[in-house]
């Protein structure tokens, strides 16, 4: 399995739900993640959790730089005042309970442009 395949669900979340025009579908990053959690089945959400674990393990020496290399044109966790592990923790909480996105709304407004 290639690196791209290993991180497919993470790529999907960022590029399909947190892209520059996400405001057309959700008012905030947490709400967009809640939308992802509602629209995808448990197997897909488990694949996302595995991809996040793999990302943390594979790029532990420089998480921010690798995240920026891959996703800087779509979304960066620091837009929410989070680092990569903190962002992944938020994603996991919302995957477990899509309505939980409301807890993360403060400061969760997207700052794309």
Protein backbone atom coordinates (compact mmCIF):
# COMPACT_ATOMS: atom_id res chain seq x y z
CA UNK A 1 0.00 0.00 0.00
CA UNK A 2 1.39 3.41 -0.92
CA UNK A 3 1.75 6.36 1.43
CA UNK A 4 -1.09 8.12 -0.39
CA UNK A 5 -3.36 5.10 0.14
CA UNK A 6 -2.40 4.92 3.82
CA UNK A 7 -3.56 8.50 4.36
CA UNK A 8 -6.50 8.48 1.93
CA UNK A 9 -9.20 9.21 4.52
CA UNK A 10 -7.19 12.04 6.06
CA UNK A 11 -6.76 13.50 2.58
CA UNK A 12 -10.51 13.13 2.04
CA UNK A 13 -11.39 14.94 5.26
CA UNK A 14 -9.06 17.85 4.58
CA UNK A 15 -9.54 18.24 0.85
CA UNK A 16 -13.23 17.38 0.56
CA UNK A 17 -14.58 18.91 3.78
CA UNK A 18 -12.10 21.59 4.93
CA UNK A 19 -11.26 23.12 1.56
CA UNK A 20 -11.22 26.83 0.81
CA UNK A 21 -14.91 26.91 -0.17
CA UNK A 22 -16.17 24.89 2.80
CA UNK A 23 -18.18 27.88 4.01
CA UNK A 24 -20.74 26.96 1.35
CA UNK A 25 -21.48 23.75 3.29
CA UNK A 26 -20.54 24.49 6.92
CA UNK A 27 -20.04 27.63 9.00
CA UNK A 28 -16.94 26.35 10.79
CA UNK A 29 -14.25 23.71 10.66
CA UNK A 30 -15.77 21.77 13.59
CA UNK A 31 -19.17 21.82 11.87
CA UNK A 32 -17.60 20.53 8.64
CA UNK A 33 -16.01 17.66 10.59
CA UNK A 34 -19.41 16.94 12.15
CA UNK A 35 -20.84 16.80 8.64
CA UNK A 36 -18.11 14.31 7.64
CA UNK A 37 -18.92 12.20 10.72
CA UNK A 38 -22.65 12.16 9.90
CA UNK A 39 -22.18 11.31 6.23
CA UNK A 40 -19.63 8.50 6.57
CA UNK A 41 -20.03 4.98 7.96
CA UNK A 42 -18.13 3.52 10.91
CA UNK A 43 -15.63 1.72 8.68
CA UNK A 44 -14.70 4.97 6.94
CA UNK A 45 -14.39 6.81 10.25
CA UNK A 46 -12.17 4.00 11.57
CA UNK A 47 -9.99 4.40 8.46
CA UNK A 48 -9.67 8.10 9.23
CA UNK A 49 -8.67 7.35 12.83
CA UNK A 50 -6.06 4.87 11.55
CA UNK A 51 -4.73 7.44 9.06
CA UNK A 52 -4.37 10.03 11.84
CA UNK A 53 -2.50 7.49 14.01
CA UNK A 54 -0.22 6.66 11.09
CA UNK A 55 0.42 10.35 10.38
CA UNK A 56 1.37 10.97 14.03
CA UNK A 57 3.69 7.96 14.01
CA UNK A 58 5.26 8.46 10.60
CA UNK A 59 5.89 12.21 10.89
CA UNK A 60 6.38 12.57 14.65
CA UNK A 61 9.65 14.47 14.15
CA UNK A 62 7.94 17.40 12.40
CA UNK A 63 4.16 17.10 12.36
CA UNK A 64 3.49 20.76 11.58
CA UNK A 65 5.83 20.89 8.58
CA UNK A 66 4.44 17.69 7.07
CA UNK A 67 0.85 18.81 7.62
CA UNK A 68 1.71 22.16 6.00
CA UNK A 69 3.41 20.45 3.07
CA UNK A 70 0.31 18.40 2.37
CA UNK A 71 -2.61 20.63 3.30
CA UNK A 72 -1.54 24.27 3.70
CA UNK A 73 -3.71 25.41 0.80
CA UNK A 74 -6.80 23.80 2.33
CA UNK A 75 -6.51 24.00 6.11
CA UNK A 76 -4.01 24.31 8.96
CA UNK A 77 -4.79 23.44 12.61
CA UNK A 78 -3.30 26.71 13.82
CA UNK A 79 -6.32 28.45 12.23
CA UNK A 80 -8.16 27.02 15.25
CA UNK A 81 -5.34 27.64 17.71
CA UNK A 82 -4.44 23.93 17.69
CA UNK A 83 -1.38 21.89 16.88
CA UNK A 84 -1.68 18.72 14.78
CA UNK A 85 -2.22 16.32 17.73
CA UNK A 86 -4.81 18.69 19.22
CA UNK A 87 -6.62 18.91 15.90
CA UNK A 88 -6.65 15.11 15.58
CA UNK A 89 -8.01 14.86 19.13
CA UNK A 90 -10.84 17.22 18.18
CA UNK A 91 -11.55 15.17 15.04
CA UNK A 92 -11.74 11.95 17.10
CA UNK A 93 -14.20 13.52 19.55
CA UNK A 94 -16.43 14.69 16.70
CA UNK A 95 -16.21 11.32 14.93
CA UNK A 96 -17.47 9.67 18.12
CA UNK A 97 -20.31 12.20 18.50
CA UNK A 98 -21.01 14.40 15.46
CA UNK A 99 -23.06 16.83 17.57
CA UNK A 100 -19.95 17.42 19.71
CA UNK A 101 -18.70 19.86 17.07
CA UNK A 102 -20.59 22.56 18.97
CA UNK A 103 -18.09 22.28 21.86
CA UNK A 104 -15.36 23.37 19.47
CA UNK A 105 -17.17 26.27 17.82
CA UNK A 106 -15.40 29.03 19.79
CA UNK A 107 -12.50 30.01 17.61
CA UNK A 108 -13.56 27.37 15.11
CA UNK A 109 -14.63 29.74 12.39
CA UNK A 110 -12.78 29.08 9.20
CA UNK A 111 -10.25 31.64 8.11
CA UNK A 112 -9.80 30.59 4.50
CA UNK A 113 -9.11 32.82 1.63
